Amino acid sequence: MKISLSQLDTLCAVAERGSFSKAARALGISQPAVSQQLATLATALGLTLFSREDGRPALTEAGQMVVARARALLADTEALLREAEGYAAARSGHLDFAATRTIGTHLVPQLLAVFLRDRPGVEPRVRIANTHEVAQLVLRGESLFGLVEGAIEEPQLETRPFAHDHLRLIVPPQHPFAGRSELHAAELARERFVSREPGSGTRDHGYDALRAAGIEPPIALELPSGEGIVRAVEAGLGIAVLSELVVERAISLHRVVAVAIDDLALERNFFVLSRRDRPLAPLARAFITSLLGEAENDGSKGSRSTVLKQRRRRSGR
């Protein structure tokens, strides 16, 4: 025979008030209902829970043991209810997702700061990988969703744009291009590039644009991080195409120089990836909604997130 939380609650009420009738009034049930619940509980446990002393119910030693356990169970149940309420309302729990290195390093901290401002009970956990790896994590169910650079052609994944980005060509300060306001894509054919690894959204988008212009960019060096590439360019090892999120500080410090390419489109979107066949947890859904809200409100795929707009204003662009 199973026991119920109602029976345990009734037991604790009688123990605290020392009377079946007082417990019944506190619980809003009849005294016979109290007696029935306790009798059923005693039978289920195979224990005598109360004795009669001076006409009043007194806990037996077994009853004291059960009351102590019942109080702990009821407290845990209350905690569970509070946690479930917070989970359903997207106010608590773990926010697990994956992001590319560019987005994870330069954008996610600010996105989380805004989202977590009124959610102190949320614990974020972010896995950092390149675009291809993020897509695989989402497909395998190891991450509920991912933030990537560039669209992913995968039928199982839903892709939604949440921000707009601009790739910039950077050169070392001593490079002949550094004094130019702009140049033509064809002039890049003889240059050596420092690049991210294959599978990176930045590499795919930037170098696909070069190839579309008839240029096969020679890769002098591959590095796994944008900051490493900036330093390599600064050292004169080559030139690079990177997100302005990555290069804006180095440009402002004159470590590298950005040069416009007048006949090459280097605009792109950032996307949220999620499995079409897997429902999102409330917290993940709320975070994604916060990312997509502005783009969906103005109906523009190219709209920028609020955080990206704030970054542009701070940097004067």
C-alpha atoms as a PDB file:
ATOM      1  CA  MET A   1       0.000   0.000   0.000  1.00  0.00           C
ATOM      2  CA  LYS A   2       1.319   3.445  -0.925  1.00  0.00           C
ATOM      3  CA  ILE A   3       1.439   6.468   1.334  1.00  0.00           C
ATOM      4  CA  SER A   4       0.548   9.988   0.230  1.00  0.00           C
ATOM      5  CA  LEU A   5       1.850  13.460   0.932  1.00  0.00           C
ATOM      6  CA  SER A   6      -1.599  14.319   2.253  1.00  0.00           C
ATOM      7  CA  GLN A   7      -1.273  11.619   4.908  1.00  0.00           C
ATOM      8  CA  LEU A   8       2.170  12.883   5.908  1.00  0.00           C
ATOM      9  CA  ASP A   9       0.888  16.470   6.047  1.00  0.00           C
ATOM     10  CA  THR A  10      -1.971  15.359   8.285  1.00  0.00           C
ATOM     11  CA  LEU A  11       0.421  13.473  10.576  1.00  0.00           C
ATOM     12  CA  CYS A  12       2.620  16.553  10.985  1.00  0.00           C
ATOM     13  CA  ALA A  13      -0.421  18.765  11.638  1.00  0.00           C
ATOM     14  CA  VAL A  14      -1.583  16.507  14.487  1.00  0.00           C
ATOM     15  CA  ALA A  15       1.950  16.287  15.906  1.00  0.00           C
ATOM     16  CA  GLU A  16       2.311  20.086  15.895  1.00  0.00           C
ATOM     17  CA  ARG A  17      -1.135  20.816  17.375  1.00  0.00           C
ATOM     18  CA  GLY A  18      -1.531  17.853  19.694  1.00  0.00           C
ATOM     19  CA  SER A  19      -5.147  17.354  18.673  1.00  0.00           C
ATOM     20  CA  PHE A  20      -7.074  15.688  15.848  1.00  0.00           C
ATOM     21  CA  SER A  21      -9.730  18.396  15.953  1.00  0.00           C
ATOM     22  CA  LYS A  22      -7.238  21.283  15.837  1.00  0.00           C
ATOM     23  CA  ALA A  23      -5.386  19.605  12.960  1.00  0.00           C
ATOM     24  CA  ALA A  24      -8.697  19.137  11.114  1.00  0.00           C
ATOM     25  CA  ARG A  25      -9.529  22.844  11.428  1.00  0.00           C
ATOM     26  CA  ALA A  26      -6.037  23.851  10.291  1.00  0.00           C
ATOM     27  CA  LEU A  27      -6.248  21.564   7.282  1.00  0.00           C
ATOM     28  CA  GLY A  28      -9.831  22.446   6.434  1.00  0.00           C
ATOM     29  CA  ILE A  29     -11.071  18.845   6.609  1.00  0.00           C
ATOM     30  CA  SER A  30     -13.256  16.908   9.017  1.00  0.00           C
ATOM     31  CA  GLN A  31     -11.939  15.177  12.127  1.00  0.00           C
ATOM     32  CA  PRO A  32     -13.062  11.725  10.827  1.00  0.00           C
ATOM     33  CA  ALA A  33     -11.027  12.435   7.679  1.00  0.00           C
ATOM     34  CA  VAL A  34      -7.967  13.098   9.846  1.00  0.00           C
ATOM     35  CA  SER A  35      -8.519   9.846  11.737  1.00  0.00           C
ATOM     36  CA  GLN A  36      -8.980   7.918   8.483  1.00  0.00           C
ATOM     37  CA  GLN A  37      -5.813   9.319   6.911  1.00  0.00           C
ATOM     38  CA  LEU A  38      -3.702   8.484   9.947  1.00  0.00           C
ATOM     39  CA  ALA A  39      -5.181   4.995  10.237  1.00  0.00           C
ATOM     40  CA  THR A  40      -4.412   4.329   6.556  1.00  0.00           C
ATOM     41  CA  LEU A  41      -0.861   5.663   7.008  1.00  0.00           C
ATOM     42  CA  ALA A  42      -0.249   3.505  10.103  1.00  0.00           C
ATOM     43  CA  THR A  43      -1.488   0.423   8.249  1.00  0.00           C
ATOM     44  CA  ALA A  44       0.714   1.175   5.217  1.00  0.00           C
ATOM     45  CA  LEU A  45       3.784   1.575   7.432  1.00  0.00           C
ATOM     46  CA  GLY A  46       2.917  -1.264   9.783  1.00  0.00           C
ATOM     47  CA  LEU A  47       3.559   1.018  12.754  1.00  0.00           C
ATOM     48  CA  THR A  48       1.635   2.442  15.701  1.00  0.00           C
ATOM     49  CA  LEU A  49       2.020   6.188  15.366  1.00  0.00           C
ATOM     50  CA  PHE A  50      -0.013   7.488  18.334  1.00  0.00           C
ATOM     51  CA  SER A  51      -0.929   6.411  21.830  1.00  0.00           C
ATOM     52  CA  ARG A  52      -3.506   8.045  24.084  1.00  0.00           C
ATOM     53  CA  GLU A  53      -2.268   9.998  27.097  1.00  0.00           C
ATOM     54  CA  ASP A  54      -4.828  11.845  29.230  1.00  0.00           C
ATOM     55  CA  GLY A  55      -7.244  11.614  26.334  1.00  0.00           C
ATOM     56  CA  ARG A  56      -4.870  13.305  23.919  1.00  0.00           C
ATOM     57  CA  PRO A  57      -2.886  11.764  21.039  1.00  0.00           C
ATOM     58  CA  ALA A  58       0.818  11.342  21.854  1.00  0.00           C
ATOM     59  CA  LEU A  59       3.416  10.282  19.324  1.00  0.00           C
ATOM     60  CA  THR A  60       5.013   6.939  19.880  1.00  0.00           C
ATOM     61  CA  GLU A  61       8.744   6.517  19.277  1.00  0.00           C
ATOM     62  CA  ALA A  62       7.874   5.177  15.826  1.00  0.00           C
ATOM     63  CA  GLY A  63       5.570   8.143  15.303  1.00  0.00           C
ATOM     64  CA  GLN A  64       8.370  10.589  16.167  1.00  0.00           C
ATOM     65  CA  MET A  65      10.636   8.907  13.625  1.00  0.00           C
ATOM     66  CA  VAL A  66       7.971   9.082  10.925  1.00  0.00           C
ATOM     67  CA  VAL A  67       7.164  12.729  11.711  1.00  0.00           C
ATOM     68  CA  ALA A  68      10.840  13.701  11.375  1.00  0.00           C
ATOM     69  CA  ARG A  69      11.049  11.983   7.971  1.00  0.00           C
ATOM     70  CA  ALA A  70       7.670  13.393   6.926  1.00  0.00           C
ATOM     71  CA  ARG A  71       8.764  16.954   7.697  1.00  0.00           C
ATOM     72  CA  ALA A  72      11.889  16.504   5.576  1.00  0.00           C
ATOM     73  CA  LEU A  73       9.872  15.019   2.707  1.00  0.00           C
ATOM     74  CA  LEU A  74       7.308  17.812   2.841  1.00  0.00           C
ATOM     75  CA  ALA A  75      10.077  20.428   2.868  1.00  0.00           C
ATOM     76  CA  ASP A  76      11.653  18.753  -0.168  1.00  0.00           C
ATOM     77  CA  THR A  77       8.266  18.731  -1.873  1.00  0.00           C
ATOM     78  CA  GLU A  78       7.839  22.447  -1.254  1.00  0.00           C
ATOM     79  CA  ALA A  79      11.298  23.061  -2.641  1.00  0.00           C
ATOM     80  CA  LEU A  80      10.449  20.969  -5.697  1.00  0.00           C
ATOM     81  CA  LEU A  81       7.272  22.957  -6.276  1.00  0.00           C
ATOM     82  CA  ARG A  82       9.173  26.246  -6.047  1.00  0.00           C
ATOM     83  CA  GLU A  83      11.858  24.985  -8.404  1.00  0.00           C
ATOM     84  CA  ALA A  84       9.265  23.667 -10.850  1.00  0.00           C
ATOM     85  CA  GLU A  85       7.472  27.015 -10.778  1.00  0.00           C
ATOM     86  CA  GLY A  86      10.747  28.826 -11.464  1.00  0.00           C
ATOM     87  CA  TYR A  87      11.614  26.354 -14.232  1.00  0.00           C
ATOM     88  CA  ALA A  88       8.232  26.738 -15.914  1.00  0.00           C
ATOM     89  CA  ALA A  89       8.469  30.521 -15.648  1.00  0.00           C
ATOM     90  CA  ALA A  90      12.073  30.507 -16.974  1.00  0.00           C
ATOM     91  CA  ARG A  91      13.402  32.044 -13.742  1.00  0.00           C
ATOM     92  CA  SER A  92      15.698  29.212 -12.614  1.00  0.00           C
ATOM     93  CA  GLY A  93      17.587  26.189 -13.868  1.00  0.00           C
ATOM     94  CA  HIS A  94      20.515  25.528 -16.196  1.00  0.00           C
ATOM     95  CA  LEU A  95      20.787  27.389 -19.483  1.00  0.00           C
ATOM     96  CA  ASP A  96      22.936  25.060 -21.597  1.00  0.00           C
ATOM     97  CA  PHE A  97      23.843  25.955 -25.161  1.00  0.00           C
ATOM     98  CA  ALA A  98      26.748  26.059 -27.601  1.00  0.00           C
ATOM     99  CA  ALA A  99      28.227  29.028 -29.434  1.00  0.00           C
ATOM    100  CA  THR A 100      30.964  29.705 -31.926  1.00  0.00           C
ATOM    101  CA  ARG A 101      34.202  31.234 -30.717  1.00  0.00           C
ATOM    102  CA  THR A 102      33.435  34.649 -32.183  1.00  0.00           C
ATOM    103  CA  ILE A 103      29.922  34.807 -30.730  1.00  0.00           C
ATOM    104  CA  GLY A 104      30.818  33.031 -27.488  1.00  0.00           C
ATOM    105  CA  THR A 105      33.794  35.265 -26.763  1.00  0.00           C
ATOM    106  CA  HIS A 106      32.589  38.650 -27.959  1.00  0.00           C
ATOM    107  CA  LEU A 107      28.792  38.598 -27.776  1.00  0.00           C
ATOM    108  CA  VAL A 108      27.471  35.928 -25.377  1.00  0.00           C
ATOM    109  CA  PRO A 109      28.757  37.592 -22.160  1.00  0.00           C
ATOM    110  CA  GLN A 110      26.711  40.731 -22.881  1.00  0.00           C
ATOM    111  CA  LEU A 111      23.676  38.757 -24.061  1.00  0.00           C
ATOM    112  CA  LEU A 112      23.737  36.741 -20.834  1.00  0.00           C
ATOM    113  CA  ALA A 113      24.231  39.838 -18.678  1.00  0.00           C
ATOM    114  CA  VAL A 114      21.034  41.325 -20.089  1.00  0.00           C
ATOM    115  CA  PHE A 115      19.051  38.082 -19.855  1.00  0.00           C
ATOM    116  CA  LEU A 116      20.208  37.131 -16.335  1.00  0.00           C
ATOM    117  CA  ARG A 117      19.668  40.554 -14.822  1.00  0.00           C
ATOM    118  CA  ASP A 118      16.268  39.528 -13.408  1.00  0.00           C
ATOM    119  CA  ARG A 119      17.021  35.790 -13.202  1.00  0.00           C
ATOM    120  CA  PRO A 120      19.533  35.246 -10.371  1.00  0.00           C
ATOM    121  CA  GLY A 121      18.516  31.571 -10.138  1.00  0.00           C
ATOM    122  CA  VAL A 122      19.713  30.728 -13.657  1.00  0.00           C
ATOM    123  CA  GLU A 123      23.078  29.001 -14.159  1.00  0.00           C
ATOM    124  CA  PRO A 124      24.460  29.430 -17.706  1.00  0.00           C
ATOM    125  CA  ARG A 125      26.722  26.797 -19.258  1.00  0.00           C
ATOM    126  CA  VAL A 126      28.167  27.600 -22.684  1.00  0.00           C
ATOM    127  CA  ARG A 127      30.162  25.222 -24.876  1.00  0.00           C
ATOM    128  CA  ILE A 128      32.496  26.929 -27.351  1.00  0.00           C
ATOM    129  CA  ALA A 129      33.247  25.359 -30.747  1.00  0.00           C
ATOM    130  CA  ASN A 130      33.332  26.306 -34.419  1.00  0.00           C
ATOM    131  CA  THR A 131      30.162  26.547 -36.522  1.00  0.00           C
ATOM    132  CA  HIS A 132      30.312  22.980 -37.830  1.00  0.00           C
ATOM    133  CA  GLU A 133      30.928  21.559 -34.344  1.00  0.00           C
ATOM    134  CA  VAL A 134      28.100  23.605 -32.815  1.00  0.00           C
ATOM    135  CA  ALA A 135      25.697  22.242 -35.432  1.00  0.00           C
ATOM    136  CA  GLN A 136      26.794  18.691 -34.610  1.00  0.00           C
ATOM    137  CA  LEU A 137      26.300  19.259 -30.868  1.00  0.00           C
ATOM    138  CA  VAL A 138      22.730  20.419 -31.520  1.00  0.00           C
ATOM    139  CA  LEU A 139      22.020  17.538 -33.932  1.00  0.00           C
ATOM    140  CA  ARG A 140      23.281  14.964 -31.394  1.00  0.00           C
ATOM    141  CA  GLY A 141      21.162  16.514 -28.647  1.00  0.00           C
ATOM    142  CA  GLU A 142      24.197  17.471 -26.555  1.00  0.00           C
ATOM    143  CA  SER A 143      23.135  21.123 -26.701  1.00  0.00           C
ATOM    144  CA  LEU A 144      19.531  22.302 -26.878  1.00  0.00           C
ATOM    145  CA  PHE A 145      20.464  25.137 -29.214  1.00  0.00           C
ATOM    146  CA  GLY A 146      23.478  26.858 -30.717  1.00  0.00           C
ATOM    147  CA  LEU A 147      24.554  30.321 -31.854  1.00  0.00           C
ATOM    148  CA  VAL A 148      26.515  30.315 -35.096  1.00  0.00           C
ATOM    149  CA  GLU A 149      27.872  32.518 -37.875  1.00  0.00           C
ATOM    150  CA  GLY A 150      26.171  31.835 -41.190  1.00  0.00           C
ATOM    151  CA  ALA A 151      23.236  29.584 -42.084  1.00  0.00           C
ATOM    152  CA  ILE A 152      23.535  25.796 -41.825  1.00  0.00           C
ATOM    153  CA  GLU A 153      21.971  23.670 -44.555  1.00  0.00           C
ATOM    154  CA  GLU A 154      20.575  20.823 -42.455  1.00  0.00           C
ATOM    155  CA  PRO A 155      16.916  19.676 -42.718  1.00  0.00           C
ATOM    156  CA  GLN A 156      16.742  18.658 -39.045  1.00  0.00           C
ATOM    157  CA  LEU A 157      17.793  22.096 -37.848  1.00  0.00           C
ATOM    158  CA  GLU A 158      15.729  25.247 -37.661  1.00  0.00           C
ATOM    159  CA  THR A 159      17.854  28.342 -38.264  1.00  0.00           C
ATOM    160  CA  ARG A 160      16.713  31.825 -37.278  1.00  0.00           C
ATOM    161  CA  PRO A 161      18.752  35.045 -37.627  1.00  0.00           C
ATOM    162  CA  PHE A 162      19.190  37.051 -34.432  1.00  0.00           C
ATOM    163  CA  ALA A 163      21.901  39.605 -35.302  1.00  0.00           C
ATOM    164  CA  HIS A 164      23.859  41.089 -38.180  1.00  0.00           C
ATOM    165  CA  ASP A 165      27.624  41.188 -38.509  1.00  0.00           C
ATOM    166  CA  HIS A 166      30.211  42.725 -40.816  1.00  0.00           C
ATOM    167  CA  LEU A 167      33.504  41.063 -41.714  1.00  0.00           C
ATOM    168  CA  ARG A 168      36.491  43.358 -42.070  1.00  0.00           C
ATOM    169  CA  LEU A 169      39.800  43.006 -43.860  1.00  0.00           C
ATOM    170  CA  ILE A 170      42.683  43.814 -41.509  1.00  0.00           C
ATOM    171  CA  VAL A 171      46.334  44.381 -42.413  1.00  0.00           C
ATOM    172  CA  PRO A 172      49.422  45.206 -40.344  1.00  0.00           C
ATOM    173  CA  PRO A 173      50.141  48.954 -39.953  1.00  0.00           C
ATOM    174  CA  GLN A 174      53.243  48.689 -42.149  1.00  0.00           C
ATOM    175  CA  HIS A 175      51.394  46.990 -45.035  1.00  0.00           C
ATOM    176  CA  PRO A 176      51.042  48.942 -48.330  1.00  0.00           C
ATOM    177  CA  PHE A 177      47.255  48.609 -48.038  1.00  0.00           C
ATOM    178  CA  ALA A 178      47.266  50.369 -44.642  1.00  0.00           C
ATOM    179  CA  GLY A 179      47.283  53.791 -46.265  1.00  0.00           C
ATOM    180  CA  ARG A 180      44.400  52.996 -48.608  1.00  0.00           C
ATOM    181  CA  SER A 181      40.791  53.977 -47.898  1.00  0.00           C
ATOM    182  CA  GLU A 182      39.564  51.085 -50.038  1.00  0.00           C
ATOM    183  CA  LEU A 183      40.771  48.559 -52.568  1.00  0.00           C
ATOM    184  CA  HIS A 184      39.455  46.111 -55.166  1.00  0.00           C
ATOM    185  CA  ALA A 185      39.048  42.410 -54.402  1.00  0.00           C
ATOM    186  CA  ALA A 186      41.389  41.499 -57.277  1.00  0.00           C
ATOM    187  CA  GLU A 187      44.249  43.205 -55.433  1.00  0.00           C
ATOM    188  CA  LEU A 188      44.058  40.493 -52.754  1.00  0.00           C
ATOM    189  CA  ALA A 189      45.047  37.694 -55.138  1.00  0.00           C
ATOM    190  CA  ARG A 190      48.763  37.973 -54.286  1.00  0.00           C
ATOM    191  CA  GLU A 191      48.273  38.321 -50.518  1.00  0.00           C
ATOM    192  CA  ARG A 192      48.839  35.640 -47.891  1.00  0.00           C
ATOM    193  CA  PHE A 193      46.065  35.160 -45.333  1.00  0.00           C
ATOM    194  CA  VAL A 194      45.951  34.154 -41.700  1.00  0.00           C
ATOM    195  CA  SER A 195      42.762  32.178 -41.177  1.00  0.00           C
ATOM    196  CA  ARG A 196      40.547  30.242 -38.818  1.00  0.00           C
ATOM    197  CA  GLU A 197      40.359  26.461 -39.238  1.00  0.00           C
ATOM    198  CA  PRO A 198      38.004  24.701 -41.702  1.00  0.00           C
ATOM    199  CA  GLY A 199      34.490  24.544 -40.245  1.00  0.00           C
ATOM    200  CA  SER A 200      34.673  28.087 -38.905  1.00  0.00           C
ATOM    201  CA  GLY A 201      31.788  30.297 -40.017  1.00  0.00           C
ATOM    202  CA  THR A 202      34.135  33.262 -40.392  1.00  0.00           C
ATOM    203  CA  ARG A 203      36.450  31.327 -42.691  1.00  0.00           C
ATOM    204  CA  ASP A 204      33.590  29.830 -44.686  1.00  0.00           C
ATOM    205  CA  HIS A 205      31.807  33.123 -45.271  1.00  0.00           C
ATOM    206  CA  GLY A 206      34.831  35.358 -45.796  1.00  0.00           C
ATOM    207  CA  TYR A 207      36.736  33.078 -48.105  1.00  0.00           C
ATOM    208  CA  ASP A 208      33.652  31.978 -49.997  1.00  0.00           C
ATOM    209  CA  ALA A 209      33.154  35.660 -50.822  1.00  0.00           C
ATOM    210  CA  LEU A 210      36.744  35.870 -52.078  1.00  0.00           C
ATOM    211  CA  ARG A 211      36.314  32.741 -54.191  1.00  0.00           C
ATOM    212  CA  ALA A 212      33.093  34.156 -55.644  1.00  0.00           C
ATOM    213  CA  ALA A 213      35.197  37.114 -56.783  1.00  0.00           C
ATOM    214  CA  GLY A 214      37.601  34.701 -58.497  1.00  0.00           C
ATOM    215  CA  ILE A 215      40.281  34.749 -55.794  1.00  0.00           C
ATOM    216  CA  GLU A 216      41.642  31.592 -54.167  1.00  0.00           C
ATOM    217  CA  PRO A 217      43.141  32.997 -50.958  1.00  0.00           C
ATOM    218  CA  PRO A 218      46.476  31.354 -50.037  1.00  0.00           C
ATOM    219  CA  ILE A 219      46.435  30.420 -46.349  1.00  0.00           C
ATOM    220  CA  ALA A 220      49.790  31.160 -44.723  1.00  0.00           C
ATOM    221  CA  LEU A 221      48.711  30.179 -41.217  1.00  0.00           C
ATOM    222  CA  GLU A 222      45.669  28.668 -39.488  1.00  0.00           C
ATOM    223  CA  LEU A 223      44.845  29.588 -35.891  1.00  0.00           C
ATOM    224  CA  PRO A 224      41.882  28.565 -33.705  1.00  0.00           C
ATOM    225  CA  SER A 225      41.023  31.992 -32.294  1.00  0.00           C
ATOM    226  CA  GLY A 226      40.287  35.442 -33.621  1.00  0.00           C
ATOM    227  CA  GLU A 227      42.643  37.125 -31.159  1.00  0.00           C
ATOM    228  CA  GLY A 228      45.464  34.830 -32.269  1.00  0.00           C
ATOM    229  CA  ILE A 229      44.814  35.825 -35.872  1.00  0.00           C
ATOM    230  CA  VAL A 230      44.835  39.525 -34.954  1.00  0.00           C
ATOM    231  CA  ARG A 231      48.211  39.075 -33.281  1.00  0.00           C
ATOM    232  CA  ALA A 232      49.549  37.186 -36.299  1.00  0.00           C
ATOM    233  CA  VAL A 233      48.445  40.007 -38.599  1.00  0.00           C
ATOM    234  CA  GLU A 234      49.967  42.559 -36.226  1.00  0.00           C
ATOM    235  CA  ALA A 235      53.245  40.619 -36.442  1.00  0.00           C
ATOM    236  CA  GLY A 236      53.182  40.819 -40.238  1.00  0.00           C
ATOM    237  CA  LEU A 237      52.467  37.137 -40.949  1.00  0.00           C
ATOM    238  CA  GLY A 238      49.637  37.947 -43.351  1.00  0.00           C
ATOM    239  CA  ILE A 239      46.299  39.694 -43.667  1.00  0.00           C
ATOM    240  CA  ALA A 240      42.910  38.406 -42.486  1.00  0.00           C
ATOM    241  CA  VAL A 241      39.158  38.691 -42.766  1.00  0.00           C
ATOM    242  CA  LEU A 242      37.473  38.682 -39.336  1.00  0.00           C
ATOM    243  CA  SER A 243      34.283  39.814 -37.633  1.00  0.00           C
ATOM    244  CA  GLU A 244      34.354  43.426 -36.536  1.00  0.00           C
ATOM    245  CA  LEU A 245      33.444  42.106 -33.076  1.00  0.00           C
ATOM    246  CA  VAL A 246      36.906  40.525 -32.992  1.00  0.00           C
ATOM    247  CA  VAL A 247      38.949  43.351 -34.513  1.00  0.00           C
ATOM    248  CA  GLU A 248      37.323  46.545 -33.207  1.00  0.00           C
ATOM    249  CA  ARG A 249      39.613  46.860 -30.170  1.00  0.00           C
ATOM    250  CA  ALA A 250      42.796  46.118 -32.123  1.00  0.00           C
ATOM    251  CA  ILE A 251      41.789  48.719 -34.723  1.00  0.00           C
ATOM    252  CA  SER A 252      41.081  51.340 -32.051  1.00  0.00           C
ATOM    253  CA  LEU A 253      44.536  50.692 -30.542  1.00  0.00           C
ATOM    254  CA  HIS A 254      46.148  50.940 -34.015  1.00  0.00           C
ATOM    255  CA  ARG A 255      47.540  47.415 -33.718  1.00  0.00           C
ATOM    256  CA  VAL A 256      46.031  46.638 -37.139  1.00  0.00           C
ATOM    257  CA  VAL A 257      44.352  48.661 -39.875  1.00  0.00           C
ATOM    258  CA  ALA A 258      40.965  47.917 -41.447  1.00  0.00           C
ATOM    259  CA  VAL A 259      40.663  48.482 -45.190  1.00  0.00           C
ATOM    260  CA  ALA A 260      37.369  48.496 -47.090  1.00  0.00           C
ATOM    261  CA  ILE A 261      36.925  46.293 -50.169  1.00  0.00           C
ATOM    262  CA  ASP A 262      34.666  48.211 -52.512  1.00  0.00           C
ATOM    263  CA  ASP A 263      33.497  45.268 -54.634  1.00  0.00           C
ATOM    264  CA  LEU A 264      33.153  42.496 -52.053  1.00  0.00           C
ATOM    265  CA  ALA A 265      30.099  41.854 -49.846  1.00  0.00           C
ATOM    266  CA  LEU A 266      31.229  40.850 -46.375  1.00  0.00           C
ATOM    267  CA  GLU A 267      27.920  41.099 -44.508  1.00  0.00           C
ATOM    268  CA  ARG A 268      26.445  38.113 -42.712  1.00  0.00           C
ATOM    269  CA  ASN A 269      23.871  37.117 -40.114  1.00  0.00           C
ATOM    270  CA  PHE A 270      24.289  35.302 -36.824  1.00  0.00           C
ATOM    271  CA  PHE A 271      21.817  32.429 -36.391  1.00  0.00           C
ATOM    272  CA  VAL A 272      20.159  30.418 -33.641  1.00  0.00           C
ATOM    273  CA  LEU A 273      20.138  26.685 -34.374  1.00  0.00           C
ATOM    274  CA  SER A 274      17.716  24.218 -32.774  1.00  0.00           C
ATOM    275  CA  ARG A 275      16.348  20.783 -33.565  1.00  0.00           C
ATOM    276  CA  ARG A 276      12.972  20.879 -35.316  1.00  0.00           C
ATOM    277  CA  ASP A 277      11.838  17.687 -33.563  1.00  0.00           C
ATOM    278  CA  ARG A 278      12.973  18.566 -30.025  1.00  0.00           C
ATOM    279  CA  PRO A 279      10.957  20.946 -27.841  1.00  0.00           C
ATOM    280  CA  LEU A 280      12.934  23.625 -26.061  1.00  0.00           C
ATOM    281  CA  ALA A 281      12.954  23.929 -22.274  1.00  0.00           C
ATOM    282  CA  PRO A 282      11.207  27.082 -20.985  1.00  0.00           C
ATOM    283  CA  LEU A 283      14.514  28.743 -20.083  1.00  0.00           C
ATOM    284  CA  ALA A 284      16.053  28.067 -23.502  1.00  0.00           C
ATOM    285  CA  ARG A 285      12.863  29.264 -25.191  1.00  0.00           C
ATOM    286  CA  ALA A 286      12.894  32.487 -23.148  1.00  0.00           C
ATOM    287  CA  PHE A 287      16.548  33.176 -23.993  1.00  0.00           C
ATOM    288  CA  ILE A 288      15.988  32.587 -27.706  1.00  0.00           C
ATOM    289  CA  THR A 289      12.877  34.774 -27.598  1.00  0.00           C
ATOM    290  CA  SER A 290      14.981  37.554 -26.079  1.00  0.00           C
ATOM    291  CA  LEU A 291      17.443  37.194 -28.980  1.00  0.00           C
ATOM    292  CA  LEU A 292      14.821  37.064 -31.696  1.00  0.00           C
ATOM    293  CA  GLY A 293      12.439  39.674 -30.298  1.00  0.00           C
ATOM    294  CA  GLU A 294      13.801  42.694 -32.109  1.00  0.00           C
ATOM    295  CA  ALA A 295      14.295  40.946 -35.472  1.00  0.00           C
ATOM    296  CA  GLU A 296      10.764  39.524 -35.355  1.00  0.00           C
ATOM    297  CA  ASN A 297       9.231  42.824 -34.275  1.00  0.00           C
ATOM    298  CA  ASP A 298      10.529  44.768 -37.256  1.00  0.00           C
ATOM    299  CA  GLY A 299      10.252  41.840 -39.678  1.00  0.00           C
ATOM    300  CA  SER A 300      13.820  42.208 -40.903  1.00  0.00           C
ATOM    301  CA  LYS A 301      16.204  39.279 -41.163  1.00  0.00           C
ATOM    302  CA  GLY A 302      19.087  41.694 -41.141  1.00  0.00           C
ATOM    303  CA  SER A 303      18.155  43.522 -37.957  1.00  0.00           C
ATOM    304  CA  ARG A 304      20.817  43.687 -35.295  1.00  0.00           C
ATOM    305  CA  SER A 305      20.384  42.643 -31.700  1.00  0.00           C
ATOM    306  CA  THR A 306      20.249  45.400 -29.073  1.00  0.00           C
ATOM    307  CA  VAL A 307      23.641  44.359 -27.718  1.00  0.00           C
ATOM    308  CA  LEU A 308      25.255  44.612 -31.153  1.00  0.00           C
ATOM    309  CA  LYS A 309      23.701  48.047 -31.663  1.00  0.00           C
ATOM    310  CA  GLN A 310      25.097  49.190 -28.326  1.00  0.00           C
ATOM    311  CA  ARG A 311      28.553  47.974 -29.348  1.00  0.00           C
ATOM    312  CA  ARG A 312      28.336  49.916 -32.610  1.00  0.00           C
ATOM    313  CA  ARG A 313      27.351  53.101 -30.769  1.00  0.00           C
ATOM    314  CA  ARG A 314      30.228  52.741 -28.278  1.00  0.00           C
ATOM    315  CA  SER A 315      32.752  52.259 -31.081  1.00  0.00           C
ATOM    316  CA  GLY A 316      31.373  55.201 -33.079  1.00  0.00           C
ATOM    317  CA  ARG A 317      30.061  53.197 -36.058  1.00  0.00           C
END
